[in-house]
All heavy atoms as atom14 arrays in JSON, in Angstrom:
{
  "sequence": "FVAARYNKLFTVLGDTAPDFEKGLRELTHSNCAKLDEEIPDSPNV",
  "atom14_mask": [
    [1, 1, 1, 1, 1, 1, 1, 1, 1, 1, 1, 0, 0, 0],
    [1, 1, 1, 1, 1, 1, 1, 0, 0, 0, 0, 0, 0, 0],
    [1, 1, 1, 1, 1, 0, 0, 0, 0, 0, 0, 0, 0, 0],
    [1, 1, 1, 1, 1, 0, 0, 0, 0, 0, 0, 0, 0, 0],
    [1, 1, 1, 1, 1, 1, 1, 1, 1, 1, 1, 0, 0, 0],
    [1, 1, 1, 1, 1, 1, 1, 1, 1, 1, 1, 1, 0, 0],
    [1, 1, 1, 1, 1, 1, 1, 1, 0, 0, 0, 0, 0, 0],
    [1, 1, 1, 1, 1, 1, 1, 1, 1, 0, 0, 0, 0, 0],
    [1, 1, 1, 1, 1, 1, 1, 1, 0, 0, 0, 0, 0, 0],
    [1, 1, 1, 1, 1, 1, 1, 1, 1, 1, 1, 0, 0, 0],
    [1, 1, 1, 1, 1, 1, 1, 0, 0, 0, 0, 0, 0, 0],
    [1, 1, 1, 1, 1, 1, 1, 0, 0, 0, 0, 0, 0, 0],
    [1, 1, 1, 1, 1, 1, 1, 1, 0, 0, 0, 0, 0, 0],
    [1, 1, 1, 1, 0, 0, 0, 0, 0, 0, 0, 0, 0, 0],
    [1, 1, 1, 1, 1, 1, 1, 1, 0, 0, 0, 0, 0, 0],
    [1, 1, 1, 1, 1, 1, 1, 0, 0, 0, 0, 0, 0, 0],
    [1, 1, 1, 1, 1, 0, 0, 0, 0, 0, 0, 0, 0, 0],
    [1, 1, 1, 1, 1, 1, 1, 0, 0, 0, 0, 0, 0, 0],
    [1, 1, 1, 1, 1, 1, 1, 1, 0, 0, 0, 0, 0, 0],
    [1, 1, 1, 1, 1, 1, 1, 1, 1, 1, 1, 0, 0, 0],
    [1, 1, 1, 1, 1, 1, 1, 1, 1, 0, 0, 0, 0, 0],
    [1, 1, 1, 1, 1, 1, 1, 1, 1, 0, 0, 0, 0, 0],
    [1, 1, 1, 1, 0, 0, 0, 0, 0, 0, 0, 0, 0, 0],
    [1, 1, 1, 1, 1, 1, 1, 1, 0, 0, 0, 0, 0, 0],
    [1, 1, 1, 1, 1, 1, 1, 1, 1, 1, 1, 0, 0, 0],
    [1, 1, 1, 1, 1, 1, 1, 1, 1, 0, 0, 0, 0, 0],
    [1, 1, 1, 1, 1, 1, 1, 1, 0, 0, 0, 0, 0, 0],
    [1, 1, 1, 1, 1, 1, 1, 0, 0, 0, 0, 0, 0, 0],
    [1, 1, 1, 1, 1, 1, 1, 1, 1, 1, 0, 0, 0, 0],
    [1, 1, 1, 1, 1, 1, 0, 0, 0, 0, 0, 0, 0, 0],
    [1, 1, 1, 1, 1, 1, 1, 1, 0, 0, 0, 0, 0, 0],
    [1, 1, 1, 1, 1, 1, 0, 0, 0, 0, 0, 0, 0, 0],
    [1, 1, 1, 1, 1, 0, 0, 0, 0, 0, 0, 0, 0, 0],
    [1, 1, 1, 1, 1, 1, 1, 1, 1, 0, 0, 0, 0, 0],
    [1, 1, 1, 1, 1, 1, 1, 1, 0, 0, 0, 0, 0, 0],
    [1, 1, 1, 1, 1, 1, 1, 1, 0, 0, 0, 0, 0, 0],
    [1, 1, 1, 1, 1, 1, 1, 1, 1, 0, 0, 0, 0, 0],
    [1, 1, 1, 1, 1, 1, 1, 1, 1, 0, 0, 0, 0, 0],
    [1, 1, 1, 1, 1, 1, 1, 1, 0, 0, 0, 0, 0, 0],
    [1, 1, 1, 1, 1, 1, 1, 0, 0, 0, 0, 0, 0, 0],
    [1, 1, 1, 1, 1, 1, 1, 1, 0, 0, 0, 0, 0, 0],
    [1, 1, 1, 1, 1, 1, 0, 0, 0, 0, 0, 0, 0, 0],
    [1, 1, 1, 1, 1, 1, 1, 0, 0, 0, 0, 0, 0, 0],
    [1, 1, 1, 1, 1, 1, 1, 1, 0, 0, 0, 0, 0, 0],
    [1, 1, 1, 1, 1, 1, 1, 0, 0, 0, 0, 0, 0, 0]
  ],
  "atom14_positions": [
    [[-35.77, -45.94, 11.6], [-35.95, -44.79, 10.63], [-36.95, -45.17, 9.56], [-37.83, -44.44, 9.29], [-34.56, -44.42, 10.02], [-34.68, -43.42, 8.95], [-34.74, -42.04, 9.23], [-34.69, -43.8, 7.58], [-34.83, -41.09, 8.28], [-34.8, -42.85, 6.59], [-34.85, -41.5, 6.92], [0.0, 0.0, 0.0], [0.0, 0.0, 0.0], [0.0, 0.0, 0.0]],
    [[-36.77, -46.4, 8.99], [-37.68, -46.85, 7.95], [-39.08, -47.07, 8.53], [-40.08, -46.68, 7.89], [-37.17, -48.17, 7.31], [-38.21, -48.76, 6.39], [-35.85, -47.98, 6.62], [0.0, 0.0, 0.0], [0.0, 0.0, 0.0], [0.0, 0.0, 0.0], [0.0, 0.0, 0.0], [0.0, 0.0, 0.0], [0.0, 0.0, 0.0], [0.0, 0.0, 0.0]],
    [[-39.16, -47.61, 9.72], [-40.46, -47.86, 10.33], [-41.24, -46.57, 10.56], [-42.47, -46.48, 10.35], [-40.26, -48.63, 11.7], [0.0, 0.0, 0.0], [0.0, 0.0, 0.0], [0.0, 0.0, 0.0], [0.0, 0.0, 0.0], [0.0, 0.0, 0.0], [0.0, 0.0, 0.0], [0.0, 0.0, 0.0], [0.0, 0.0, 0.0], [0.0, 0.0, 0.0]],
    [[-40.48, -45.56, 11.07], [-41.16, -44.25, 11.3], [-41.69, -43.67, 10.06], [-42.81, -43.13, 10.05], [-40.13, -43.3, 11.94], [0.0, 0.0, 0.0], [0.0, 0.0, 0.0], [0.0, 0.0, 0.0], [0.0, 0.0, 0.0], [0.0, 0.0, 0.0], [0.0, 0.0, 0.0], [0.0, 0.0, 0.0], [0.0, 0.0, 0.0], [0.0, 0.0, 0.0]],
    [[-40.91, -43.7, 8.96], [-41.42, -43.14, 7.7], [-42.62, -43.95, 7.18], [-43.57, -43.4, 6.63], [-40.25, -43.19, 6.65], [-39.08, -42.31, 7.04], [-39.48, -40.85, 7.15], [-38.36, -39.99, 7.56], [-37.96, -39.78, 8.83], [-38.61, -40.39, 9.82], [-36.97, -38.98, 9.07], [0.0, 0.0, 0.0], [0.0, 0.0, 0.0], [0.0, 0.0, 0.0]],
    [[-42.52, -45.27, 7.28], [-43.62, -46.12, 6.79], [-44.88, -45.8, 7.61], [-45.96, -45.63, 7.04], [-43.27, -47.6, 6.98], [-44.37, -48.55, 6.64], [-44.49, -49.04, 5.35], [-45.32, -48.89, 7.57], [-45.54, -49.9, 4.98], [-46.38, -49.78, 7.26], [-46.45, -50.22, 5.96], [-47.52, -51.06, 5.63], [0.0, 0.0, 0.0], [0.0, 0.0, 0.0]],
    [[-44.8, -45.8, 8.91], [-45.97, -45.54, 9.76], [-46.6, -44.22, 9.47], [-47.81, -44.09, 9.48], [-45.57, -45.66, 11.25], [-45.08, -47.01, 11.62], [-45.34, -48.0, 10.93], [-44.33, -47.12, 12.74], [0.0, 0.0, 0.0], [0.0, 0.0, 0.0], [0.0, 0.0, 0.0], [0.0, 0.0, 0.0], [0.0, 0.0, 0.0], [0.0, 0.0, 0.0]],
    [[-45.75, -43.2, 9.23], [-46.32, -41.86, 8.94], [-47.03, -41.89, 7.59], [-48.13, -41.31, 7.47], [-45.14, -40.89, 8.86], [-45.55, -39.45, 8.61], [-44.37, -38.46, 8.7], [-44.85, -37.02, 8.48], [-43.72, -36.06, 8.52], [0.0, 0.0, 0.0], [0.0, 0.0, 0.0], [0.0, 0.0, 0.0], [0.0, 0.0, 0.0], [0.0, 0.0, 0.0]],
    [[-46.48, -42.52, 6.56], [-47.09, -42.6, 5.25], [-48.44, -43.32, 5.34], [-49.44, -42.87, 4.8], [-46.17, -43.3, 4.31], [-46.77, -43.62, 2.91], [-47.12, -42.31, 2.17], [-45.75, -44.45, 2.08], [0.0, 0.0, 0.0], [0.0, 0.0, 0.0], [0.0, 0.0, 0.0], [0.0, 0.0, 0.0], [0.0, 0.0, 0.0], [0.0, 0.0, 0.0]],
    [[-48.48, -44.51, 5.98], [-49.68, -45.31, 5.98], [-50.73, -44.77, 6.94], [-51.92, -45.12, 6.77], [-49.35, -46.78, 6.26], [-49.06, -47.57, 5.0], [-47.79, -47.44, 4.46], [-50.01, -48.35, 4.4], [-47.49, -48.14, 3.29], [-49.74, -49.0, 3.21], [-48.48, -48.94, 2.68], [0.0, 0.0, 0.0], [0.0, 0.0, 0.0], [0.0, 0.0, 0.0]],
    [[-50.34, -43.9, 7.83], [-51.35, -43.23, 8.66], [-52.11, -42.23, 7.75], [-53.36, -42.11, 7.82], [-50.69, -42.43, 9.8], [-50.05, -43.41, 10.65], [-51.72, -41.69, 10.62], [0.0, 0.0, 0.0], [0.0, 0.0, 0.0], [0.0, 0.0, 0.0], [0.0, 0.0, 0.0], [0.0, 0.0, 0.0], [0.0, 0.0, 0.0], [0.0, 0.0, 0.0]],
    [[-51.39, -41.59, 6.87], [-52.03, -40.67, 5.91], [-52.88, -41.5, 4.96], [-53.98, -41.01, 4.53], [-50.94, -39.88, 5.09], [-51.58, -39.1, 3.98], [-50.15, -39.02, 6.01], [0.0, 0.0, 0.0], [0.0, 0.0, 0.0], [0.0, 0.0, 0.0], [0.0, 0.0, 0.0], [0.0, 0.0, 0.0], [0.0, 0.0, 0.0], [0.0, 0.0, 0.0]],
    [[-52.5, -42.71, 4.6], [-53.22, -43.5, 3.63], [-54.36, -44.31, 4.2], [-55.06, -45.05, 3.48], [-52.23, -44.51, 2.95], [-51.14, -43.89, 2.09], [-50.22, -44.96, 1.53], [-51.78, -43.09, 0.91], [0.0, 0.0, 0.0], [0.0, 0.0, 0.0], [0.0, 0.0, 0.0], [0.0, 0.0, 0.0], [0.0, 0.0, 0.0], [0.0, 0.0, 0.0]],
    [[-54.62, -44.15, 5.55], [-55.84, -44.75, 6.11], [-55.64, -45.63, 7.37], [-56.64, -45.91, 8.04], [0.0, 0.0, 0.0], [0.0, 0.0, 0.0], [0.0, 0.0, 0.0], [0.0, 0.0, 0.0], [0.0, 0.0, 0.0], [0.0, 0.0, 0.0], [0.0, 0.0, 0.0], [0.0, 0.0, 0.0], [0.0, 0.0, 0.0], [0.0, 0.0, 0.0]],
    [[-54.44, -46.05, 7.68], [-54.23, -46.82, 8.94], [-54.42, -45.95, 10.13], [-54.12, -44.72, 10.09], [-52.81, -47.38, 8.96], [-52.69, -48.65, 8.1], [-53.67, -49.08, 7.48], [-51.51, -49.16, 7.99], [0.0, 0.0, 0.0], [0.0, 0.0, 0.0], [0.0, 0.0, 0.0], [0.0, 0.0, 0.0], [0.0, 0.0, 0.0], [0.0, 0.0, 0.0]],
    [[-54.91, -46.53, 11.21], [-55.09, -45.75, 12.43], [-53.82, -45.82, 13.33], [-53.5, -44.82, 14.01], [-56.3, -46.3, 13.24], [-56.15, -47.67, 13.51], [-57.58, -46.02, 12.46], [0.0, 0.0, 0.0], [0.0, 0.0, 0.0], [0.0, 0.0, 0.0], [0.0, 0.0, 0.0], [0.0, 0.0, 0.0], [0.0, 0.0, 0.0], [0.0, 0.0, 0.0]],
    [[-53.19, -46.95, 13.36], [-51.94, -47.13, 14.17], [-51.04, -48.18, 13.58], [-50.85, -49.26, 14.16], [-52.38, -47.47, 15.63], [0.0, 0.0, 0.0], [0.0, 0.0, 0.0], [0.0, 0.0, 0.0], [0.0, 0.0, 0.0], [0.0, 0.0, 0.0], [0.0, 0.0, 0.0], [0.0, 0.0, 0.0], [0.0, 0.0, 0.0], [0.0, 0.0, 0.0]],
    [[-50.47, -47.91, 12.39], [-49.65, -48.95, 11.77], [-48.33, -49.14, 12.55], [-47.82, -48.18, 13.19], [-49.33, -48.36, 10.39], [-49.45, -46.87, 10.57], [-50.56, -46.69, 11.62], [0.0, 0.0, 0.0], [0.0, 0.0, 0.0], [0.0, 0.0, 0.0], [0.0, 0.0, 0.0], [0.0, 0.0, 0.0], [0.0, 0.0, 0.0], [0.0, 0.0, 0.0]],
    [[-47.78, -50.3, 12.54], [-46.5, -50.62, 13.25], [-45.65, -51.49, 12.4], [-45.74, -52.72, 12.43], [-46.78, -51.22, 14.63], [-45.59, -51.1, 15.54], [-44.48, -51.33, 15.05], [-45.79, -50.81, 16.73], [0.0, 0.0, 0.0], [0.0, 0.0, 0.0], [0.0, 0.0, 0.0], [0.0, 0.0, 0.0], [0.0, 0.0, 0.0], [0.0, 0.0, 0.0]],
    [[-44.85, -50.86, 11.57], [-43.97, -51.6, 10.63], [-43.05, -52.58, 11.3], [-42.94, -53.75, 10.93], [-43.15, -50.55, 9.83], [-42.13, -51.18, 8.91], [-42.48, -51.44, 7.59], [-40.88, -51.49, 9.32], [-41.56, -51.98, 6.7], [-39.93, -52.02, 8.46], [-40.28, -52.28, 7.15], [0.0, 0.0, 0.0], [0.0, 0.0, 0.0], [0.0, 0.0, 0.0]],
    [[-42.4, -52.14, 12.39], [-41.39, -52.99, 13.07], [-42.04, -54.19, 13.73], [-41.53, -55.34, 13.55], [-40.65, -52.17, 14.06], [-39.45, -52.88, 14.67], [-38.63, -52.06, 15.6], [-38.85, -50.8, 15.71], [-37.71, -52.62, 16.28], [0.0, 0.0, 0.0], [0.0, 0.0, 0.0], [0.0, 0.0, 0.0], [0.0, 0.0, 0.0], [0.0, 0.0, 0.0]],
    [[-43.11, -54.02, 14.43], [-43.78, -55.15, 15.09], [-44.3, -56.14, 14.03], [-44.2, -57.38, 14.24], [-44.88, -54.71, 15.99], [-44.41, -53.99, 17.26], [-45.56, -53.57, 18.16], [-45.07, -52.89, 19.41], [-46.24, -52.5, 20.28], [0.0, 0.0, 0.0], [0.0, 0.0, 0.0], [0.0, 0.0, 0.0], [0.0, 0.0, 0.0], [0.0, 0.0, 0.0]],
    [[-44.89, -55.61, 12.97], [-45.38, -56.54, 11.91], [-44.27, -57.34, 11.31], [-44.48, -58.51, 11.03], [0.0, 0.0, 0.0], [0.0, 0.0, 0.0], [0.0, 0.0, 0.0], [0.0, 0.0, 0.0], [0.0, 0.0, 0.0], [0.0, 0.0, 0.0], [0.0, 0.0, 0.0], [0.0, 0.0, 0.0], [0.0, 0.0, 0.0], [0.0, 0.0, 0.0]],
    [[-43.12, -56.68, 11.06], [-42.0, -57.4, 10.45], [-41.43, -58.46, 11.39], [-41.17, -59.61, 11.01], [-40.91, -56.39, 10.08], [-39.7, -56.97, 9.36], [-40.1, -57.52, 7.99], [-38.6, -55.88, 9.19], [0.0, 0.0, 0.0], [0.0, 0.0, 0.0], [0.0, 0.0, 0.0], [0.0, 0.0, 0.0], [0.0, 0.0, 0.0], [0.0, 0.0, 0.0]],
    [[-41.24, -58.07, 12.67], [-40.6, -59.01, 13.61], [-41.48, -60.26, 13.87], [-40.91, -61.31, 14.21], [-40.38, -58.27, 14.97], [-39.21, -57.23, 14.91], [-38.9, -56.66, 16.25], [-37.84, -55.7, 16.19], [-36.56, -55.95, 16.13], [-36.16, -57.18, 16.14], [-35.69, -54.95, 16.09], [0.0, 0.0, 0.0], [0.0, 0.0, 0.0], [0.0, 0.0, 0.0]],
    [[-42.78, -60.14, 13.72], [-43.65, -61.32, 13.93], [-43.5, -62.35, 12.88], [-43.98, -63.46, 13.03], [-45.08, -60.83, 14.06], [-45.42, -60.17, 15.36], [-46.71, -60.73, 15.99], [-47.73, -60.71, 15.28], [-46.64, -61.18, 17.15], [0.0, 0.0, 0.0], [0.0, 0.0, 0.0], [0.0, 0.0, 0.0], [0.0, 0.0, 0.0], [0.0, 0.0, 0.0]],
    [[-42.84, -62.01, 11.75], [-42.72, -62.96, 10.65], [-41.44, -63.76, 10.71], [-41.1, -64.49, 9.78], [-42.8, -62.23, 9.27], [-44.15, -61.59, 9.01], [-44.12, -60.85, 7.67], [-45.25, -62.59, 9.04], [0.0, 0.0, 0.0], [0.0, 0.0, 0.0], [0.0, 0.0, 0.0], [0.0, 0.0, 0.0], [0.0, 0.0, 0.0], [0.0, 0.0, 0.0]],
    [[-40.69, -63.67, 11.79], [-39.46, -64.42, 11.91], [-39.8, -65.93, 12.04], [-40.94, -66.28, 12.46], [-38.62, -64.03, 13.14], [-39.43, -64.23, 14.32], [-38.2, -62.58, 13.05], [0.0, 0.0, 0.0], [0.0, 0.0, 0.0], [0.0, 0.0, 0.0], [0.0, 0.0, 0.0], [0.0, 0.0, 0.0], [0.0, 0.0, 0.0], [0.0, 0.0, 0.0]],
    [[-38.88, -66.74, 11.68], [-39.1, -68.25, 11.74], [-39.4, -68.67, 13.15], [-40.37, -69.42, 13.35], [-37.85, -68.95, 11.22], [-37.92, -70.46, 11.37], [-38.79, -71.23, 10.59], [-37.32, -71.27, 12.23], [-38.67, -72.5, 10.94], [-37.76, -72.55, 11.95], [0.0, 0.0, 0.0], [0.0, 0.0, 0.0], [0.0, 0.0, 0.0], [0.0, 0.0, 0.0]],
    [[-38.65, -68.17, 14.11], [-38.89, -68.64, 15.56], [-40.26, -68.23, 16.05], [-40.95, -69.0, 16.69], [-37.78, -68.05, 16.4], [-37.79, -66.64, 16.35], [0.0, 0.0, 0.0], [0.0, 0.0, 0.0], [0.0, 0.0, 0.0], [0.0, 0.0, 0.0], [0.0, 0.0, 0.0], [0.0, 0.0, 0.0], [0.0, 0.0, 0.0], [0.0, 0.0, 0.0]],
    [[-40.67, -66.98, 15.74], [-41.99, -66.51, 16.21], [-43.11, -67.29, 15.59], [-44.06, -67.71, 16.27], [-42.12, -65.04, 15.89], [-43.44, -64.44, 16.45], [-43.59, -64.3, 17.67], [-44.4, -64.26, 15.59], [0.0, 0.0, 0.0], [0.0, 0.0, 0.0], [0.0, 0.0, 0.0], [0.0, 0.0, 0.0], [0.0, 0.0, 0.0], [0.0, 0.0, 0.0]],
    [[-43.09, -67.53, 14.27], [-44.18, -68.2, 13.56], [-44.22, -69.69, 13.97], [-45.3, -70.28, 14.04], [-44.01, -68.05, 12.05], [-44.42, -66.39, 11.45], [0.0, 0.0, 0.0], [0.0, 0.0, 0.0], [0.0, 0.0, 0.0], [0.0, 0.0, 0.0], [0.0, 0.0, 0.0], [0.0, 0.0, 0.0], [0.0, 0.0, 0.0], [0.0, 0.0, 0.0]],
    [[-43.05, -70.28, 14.2], [-43.04, -71.7, 14.66], [-43.7, -71.83, 16.03], [-44.46, -72.77, 16.27], [-41.61, -72.21, 14.71], [0.0, 0.0, 0.0], [0.0, 0.0, 0.0], [0.0, 0.0, 0.0], [0.0, 0.0, 0.0], [0.0, 0.0, 0.0], [0.0, 0.0, 0.0], [0.0, 0.0, 0.0], [0.0, 0.0, 0.0], [0.0, 0.0, 0.0]],
    [[-43.49, -70.88, 16.87], [-44.12, -70.87, 18.2], [-45.62, -70.59, 18.05], [-46.41, -71.27, 18.72], [-43.43, -69.79, 19.06], [-44.06, -69.66, 20.48], [-43.39, -68.56, 21.25], [-44.05, -68.42, 22.63], [-43.42, -67.26, 23.39], [0.0, 0.0, 0.0], [0.0, 0.0, 0.0], [0.0, 0.0, 0.0], [0.0, 0.0, 0.0], [0.0, 0.0, 0.0]],
    [[-45.92, -69.61, 17.21], [-47.37, -69.27, 17.03], [-48.1, -70.46, 16.44], [-49.32, -70.63, 16.81], [-47.47, -68.08, 16.06], [-48.86, -67.57, 15.8], [-49.5, -66.96, 17.04], [-48.84, -66.48, 14.69], [0.0, 0.0, 0.0], [0.0, 0.0, 0.0], [0.0, 0.0, 0.0], [0.0, 0.0, 0.0], [0.0, 0.0, 0.0], [0.0, 0.0, 0.0]],
    [[-47.5, -71.23, 15.57], [-48.22, -72.34, 14.95], [-48.7, -73.34, 16.01], [-49.78, -73.91, 15.84], [-47.27, -73.05, 13.97], [-47.97, -74.21, 13.23], [-48.84, -73.92, 12.42], [-47.59, -75.37, 13.47], [0.0, 0.0, 0.0], [0.0, 0.0, 0.0], [0.0, 0.0, 0.0], [0.0, 0.0, 0.0], [0.0, 0.0, 0.0], [0.0, 0.0, 0.0]],
    [[-48.0, -73.48, 17.05], [-48.45, -74.4, 18.13], [-49.55, -73.8, 18.93], [-50.39, -74.53, 19.5], [-47.23, -74.69, 19.08], [-46.09, -75.45, 18.4], [-44.93, -75.68, 19.31], [-45.04, -75.23, 20.49], [-43.97, -76.32, 18.91], [0.0, 0.0, 0.0], [0.0, 0.0, 0.0], [0.0, 0.0, 0.0], [0.0, 0.0, 0.0], [0.0, 0.0, 0.0]],
    [[-49.64, -72.45, 18.98], [-50.68, -71.77, 19.77], [-52.0, -71.67, 19.04], [-53.05, -71.41, 19.71], [-50.17, -70.39, 20.16], [-48.93, -70.41, 20.99], [-48.43, -68.99, 21.29], [-49.08, -68.04, 20.8], [-47.38, -68.83, 21.97], [0.0, 0.0, 0.0], [0.0, 0.0, 0.0], [0.0, 0.0, 0.0], [0.0, 0.0, 0.0], [0.0, 0.0, 0.0]],
    [[-51.99, -71.76, 17.72], [-53.2, -71.64, 16.99], [-53.51, -72.89, 16.09], [-53.39, -72.84, 14.9], [-53.19, -70.36, 16.09], [-51.93, -70.31, 15.25], [-53.31, -69.12, 16.93], [-51.95, -69.15, 14.24], [0.0, 0.0, 0.0], [0.0, 0.0, 0.0], [0.0, 0.0, 0.0], [0.0, 0.0, 0.0], [0.0, 0.0, 0.0], [0.0, 0.0, 0.0]],
    [[-53.82, -73.98, 16.76], [-54.1, -75.23, 16.01], [-55.34, -75.09, 15.17], [-56.2, -74.25, 15.4], [-54.27, -76.25, 17.13], [-54.77, -75.46, 18.3], [-54.08, -74.16, 18.2], [0.0, 0.0, 0.0], [0.0, 0.0, 0.0], [0.0, 0.0, 0.0], [0.0, 0.0, 0.0], [0.0, 0.0, 0.0], [0.0, 0.0, 0.0], [0.0, 0.0, 0.0]],
    [[-55.43, -75.96, 14.24], [-56.64, -75.94, 13.31], [-57.89, -76.3, 14.07], [-57.85, -77.15, 14.95], [-56.47, -76.93, 12.15], [-55.39, -76.5, 11.18], [-54.91, -75.36, 11.29], [-55.01, -77.3, 10.34], [0.0, 0.0, 0.0], [0.0, 0.0, 0.0], [0.0, 0.0, 0.0], [0.0, 0.0, 0.0], [0.0, 0.0, 0.0], [0.0, 0.0, 0.0]],
    [[-58.95, -75.68, 13.71], [-60.26, -75.95, 14.27], [-60.94, -77.12, 13.52], [-60.9, -77.17, 12.31], [-61.2, -74.75, 14.24], [-62.53, -75.11, 14.54], [0.0, 0.0, 0.0], [0.0, 0.0, 0.0], [0.0, 0.0, 0.0], [0.0, 0.0, 0.0], [0.0, 0.0, 0.0], [0.0, 0.0, 0.0], [0.0, 0.0, 0.0], [0.0, 0.0, 0.0]],
    [[-61.53, -78.09, 14.21], [-62.15, -79.18, 13.54], [-63.44, -78.78, 12.78], [-63.93, -79.48, 11.94], [-62.53, -80.14, 14.72], [-62.58, -79.26, 15.91], [-61.54, -78.21, 15.71], [0.0, 0.0, 0.0], [0.0, 0.0, 0.0], [0.0, 0.0, 0.0], [0.0, 0.0, 0.0], [0.0, 0.0, 0.0], [0.0, 0.0, 0.0], [0.0, 0.0, 0.0]],
    [[-63.89, -77.54, 13.08], [-65.08, -77.04, 12.41], [-64.82, -76.28, 11.08], [-65.73, -75.83, 10.43], [-65.84, -76.09, 13.35], [-66.23, -76.79, 14.65], [-66.6, -77.92, 14.68], [-66.1, -76.03, 15.75], [0.0, 0.0, 0.0], [0.0, 0.0, 0.0], [0.0, 0.0, 0.0], [0.0, 0.0, 0.0], [0.0, 0.0, 0.0], [0.0, 0.0, 0.0]],
    [[-63.51, -76.16, 10.74], [-63.14, -75.36, 9.6], [-62.38, -76.22, 8.57], [-61.53, -77.02, 8.94], [-62.21, -74.16, 10.01], [-61.78, -73.35, 8.82], [-62.99, -73.28, 10.99], [0.0, 0.0, 0.0], [0.0, 0.0, 0.0], [0.0, 0.0, 0.0], [0.0, 0.0, 0.0], [0.0, 0.0, 0.0], [0.0, 0.0, 0.0], [0.0, 0.0, 0.0]]
  ]
}
């Protein structure tokens, strides 16, 4: 319910396809810990 209201509001404010729920779920500890292994630091940066 919250996600639908958020997505509708931010579509009006300029987003083309906002996704509140997916954005929130990606910030869980388990997901970010896994992601950290997939995106190691670049030696050029």
